[in-house]
Protein backbone atom coordinates (compact mmCIF):
# COMPACT_ATOMS: atom_id res chain seq x y z
CA MET A 1 89.02 90.34 89.43
CA SER A 2 90.52 88.51 92.39
CA GLU A 3 89.05 85.04 93.50
CA SER A 4 90.52 85.77 97.02
CA ILE A 5 87.94 88.17 98.11
CA SER A 6 85.29 86.20 100.01
CA LEU A 7 83.50 88.98 101.69
CA PRO A 8 81.36 91.56 99.97
CA LEU A 9 83.75 94.23 98.90
CA THR A 10 82.42 97.72 97.93
CA ILE A 11 84.65 100.20 96.00
CA ARG A 12 83.40 103.82 95.96
CA GLU A 13 84.68 107.32 95.60
CA ALA A 14 85.66 109.03 98.93
CA THR A 15 83.63 111.83 100.37
CA ARG A 16 84.48 114.38 103.05
CA GLY A 17 82.27 112.15 105.32
CA ASP A 18 85.02 109.61 105.03
CA ILE A 19 87.88 111.61 106.70
CA GLU A 20 87.55 109.74 110.10
CA GLY A 21 87.54 106.31 108.42
CA VAL A 22 90.64 107.07 106.36
CA TYR A 23 92.30 108.39 109.42
CA ARG A 24 91.57 105.12 111.21
CA LEU A 25 92.88 103.27 108.23
CA TYR A 26 96.17 105.17 108.17
CA GLN A 27 96.40 104.79 112.17
CA SER A 28 96.31 100.91 111.59
CA LEU A 29 99.39 101.10 109.45
CA THR A 30 102.64 99.91 111.06
CA PRO A 31 105.85 102.17 110.92
CA GLU A 32 107.02 99.82 107.99
CA ASP A 33 103.61 100.26 106.18
CA LEU A 34 103.84 104.03 106.51
CA TYR A 35 107.36 103.98 104.99
CA MET A 36 106.19 101.76 102.08
CA ARG A 37 103.12 104.02 101.47
CA PHE A 38 104.46 107.48 102.12
CA PHE A 39 108.35 106.96 101.81
CA SER A 40 108.47 108.37 105.36
CA PHE A 41 107.72 107.29 108.85
CA HIS A 42 105.66 110.21 109.54
CA ARG A 43 102.14 109.32 110.82
CA VAL A 44 99.42 111.18 108.82
CA SER A 45 97.52 113.58 111.04
CA HIS A 46 93.66 114.14 110.95
CA GLU A 47 94.34 117.74 109.53
CA GLU A 48 96.60 116.36 106.65
CA ILE A 49 93.77 114.01 105.65
CA GLU A 50 91.38 116.91 105.69
CA GLN A 51 93.87 118.81 103.49
CA LEU A 52 94.03 115.87 101.05
CA PHE A 53 90.22 115.83 100.82
CA SER A 54 90.14 119.50 100.10
CA ARG A 55 92.43 119.16 96.99
CA GLN A 56 90.89 118.91 93.57
CA ASP A 57 93.83 117.40 91.68
CA HIS A 58 92.93 113.71 92.38
CA ILE A 59 90.22 111.16 93.18
CA THR A 60 90.39 108.80 96.12
CA LEU A 61 88.66 105.45 96.03
CA LEU A 62 87.77 103.50 99.15
CA ALA A 63 87.36 99.68 99.68
CA GLU A 64 84.70 98.77 102.27
CA ILE A 65 83.83 95.49 103.91
CA ASP A 66 80.65 95.68 105.97
CA GLY A 67 80.97 99.47 106.12
CA GLU A 68 84.55 99.40 107.39
CA ILE A 69 87.22 101.29 105.21
CA VAL A 70 89.77 98.54 104.67
CA GLY A 71 91.58 100.21 101.71
CA GLU A 72 92.20 103.51 99.85
CA ALA A 73 93.62 104.34 96.47
CA THR A 74 94.41 107.84 95.26
CA LEU A 75 94.86 108.81 91.60
CA TYR A 76 96.32 112.28 90.79
CA ASP A 77 95.63 114.05 87.51
CA ASP A 78 99.08 113.26 86.24
CA GLY A 79 98.40 109.49 86.50
CA GLU A 80 100.48 108.87 89.58
CA PHE A 81 98.66 106.74 92.17
CA SER A 82 99.13 105.19 95.66
CA VAL A 83 97.37 102.53 97.55
CA ALA A 84 97.07 101.42 101.30
CA VAL A 85 95.23 98.33 102.57
CA LYS A 86 94.58 97.62 106.27
CA PRO A 87 97.10 95.11 107.50
CA ASN A 88 94.74 92.38 108.63
CA GLN A 89 93.08 92.59 105.09
CA ARG A 90 96.09 92.10 102.86
CA ARG A 91 96.77 89.28 100.41
CA GLY A 92 93.10 89.03 99.63
CA GLY A 93 93.01 91.10 96.37
CA ILE A 94 91.79 94.43 97.79
CA GLY A 95 94.82 96.28 96.51
CA THR A 96 94.51 94.71 93.22
CA GLU A 97 90.67 95.64 92.97
CA LEU A 98 91.45 99.25 93.88
CA VAL A 99 94.18 99.68 91.32
CA ALA A 100 92.01 98.06 88.63
CA GLU A 101 89.21 100.50 89.46
CA LEU A 102 91.65 103.37 89.31
CA ILE A 103 92.73 102.25 85.86
CA ARG A 104 89.10 102.22 84.64
CA ARG A 105 88.58 105.77 86.10
CA ALA A 106 91.86 106.97 84.68
CA LYS A 107 90.73 105.86 81.12
CA LYS A 108 87.38 107.65 81.65
CA MET A 109 89.26 110.84 82.66
CA GLY A 110 91.37 110.77 79.57
CA ILE A 111 94.61 110.01 81.39
CA SER A 112 97.08 108.33 79.04
CA LYS A 113 99.17 106.46 81.55
CA VAL A 114 99.08 105.55 85.17
CA LYS A 115 102.16 105.04 87.25
CA PHE A 116 103.27 104.29 90.81
CA TYR A 117 106.65 104.64 92.59
CA THR A 118 107.51 102.20 95.32
CA LEU A 119 110.44 100.76 97.38
CA PRO A 120 112.05 97.64 95.95
CA GLU A 121 110.93 95.72 99.06
CA ASN A 122 107.33 96.63 98.56
CA TYR A 123 106.53 93.19 97.11
CA PRO A 124 102.69 93.47 97.30
CA MET A 125 102.77 96.55 95.21
CA ILE A 126 105.18 95.03 92.82
CA ARG A 127 102.95 92.02 92.55
CA ILE A 128 99.85 94.07 91.85
CA GLY A 129 101.84 95.90 89.19
CA LYS A 130 103.01 92.72 87.42
CA LYS A 131 99.42 91.19 87.73
CA LEU A 132 97.80 94.24 86.01
CA GLY A 133 100.47 94.46 83.22
CA PHE A 134 102.69 97.53 84.45
CA LYS A 135 106.05 97.88 83.01
CA LEU A 136 108.49 98.00 85.86
CA GLU A 137 111.64 99.88 86.00
CA TYR A 138 113.93 99.17 88.74
CA ASP A 139 117.00 101.07 90.28
CA GLU A 140 118.50 100.72 93.79
CA ASP A 141 116.21 103.13 95.55
CA GLN A 142 112.85 102.65 93.91
CA VAL A 143 110.69 100.84 91.53
CA LYS A 144 108.46 102.73 88.88
CA GLY A 145 105.50 100.86 87.51
CA VAL A 146 103.98 102.54 84.24
CA LEU A 147 100.91 101.31 82.37
CA GLU A 148 100.12 102.87 79.00
CA LEU A 149 96.31 103.29 78.77
CA GLY A 150 96.34 104.53 75.11
CA GLN A 151 93.39 106.53 73.60
CA GLY A 152 89.70 105.93 74.51
CA SER A 153 88.33 103.39 76.84
């Protein structure tokens, strides 16, 4: 989807064996990144990632370059999703590729719309939403992006 990605990028579903790699990805995030992703400065613990991997109400996709996890995206059963990309890998299309794959998976799962919530200053997420056709709703505290998927895939 993006011409910017020059290295071989693999997108796949996460497994329990990826807990350590996802932990390392989250540890690479700056405090500002954490706030943009989680609406909190709280640094996610190893135990919290293990709990996330134990839940059955979502799928998590990973983006890898040369075996290193450089991005993750999680889609919940209600269609809400979130994305994180390693700081030194941003602006290359990885986030867009992850969201595009989440959309494909959501259609196969029968989800009628996907949505995200972000802060107004999270320009990369807003840019991804615009690029992929999301309807954006702005208020002073957050931006909501919604993409109607309709029936069938």
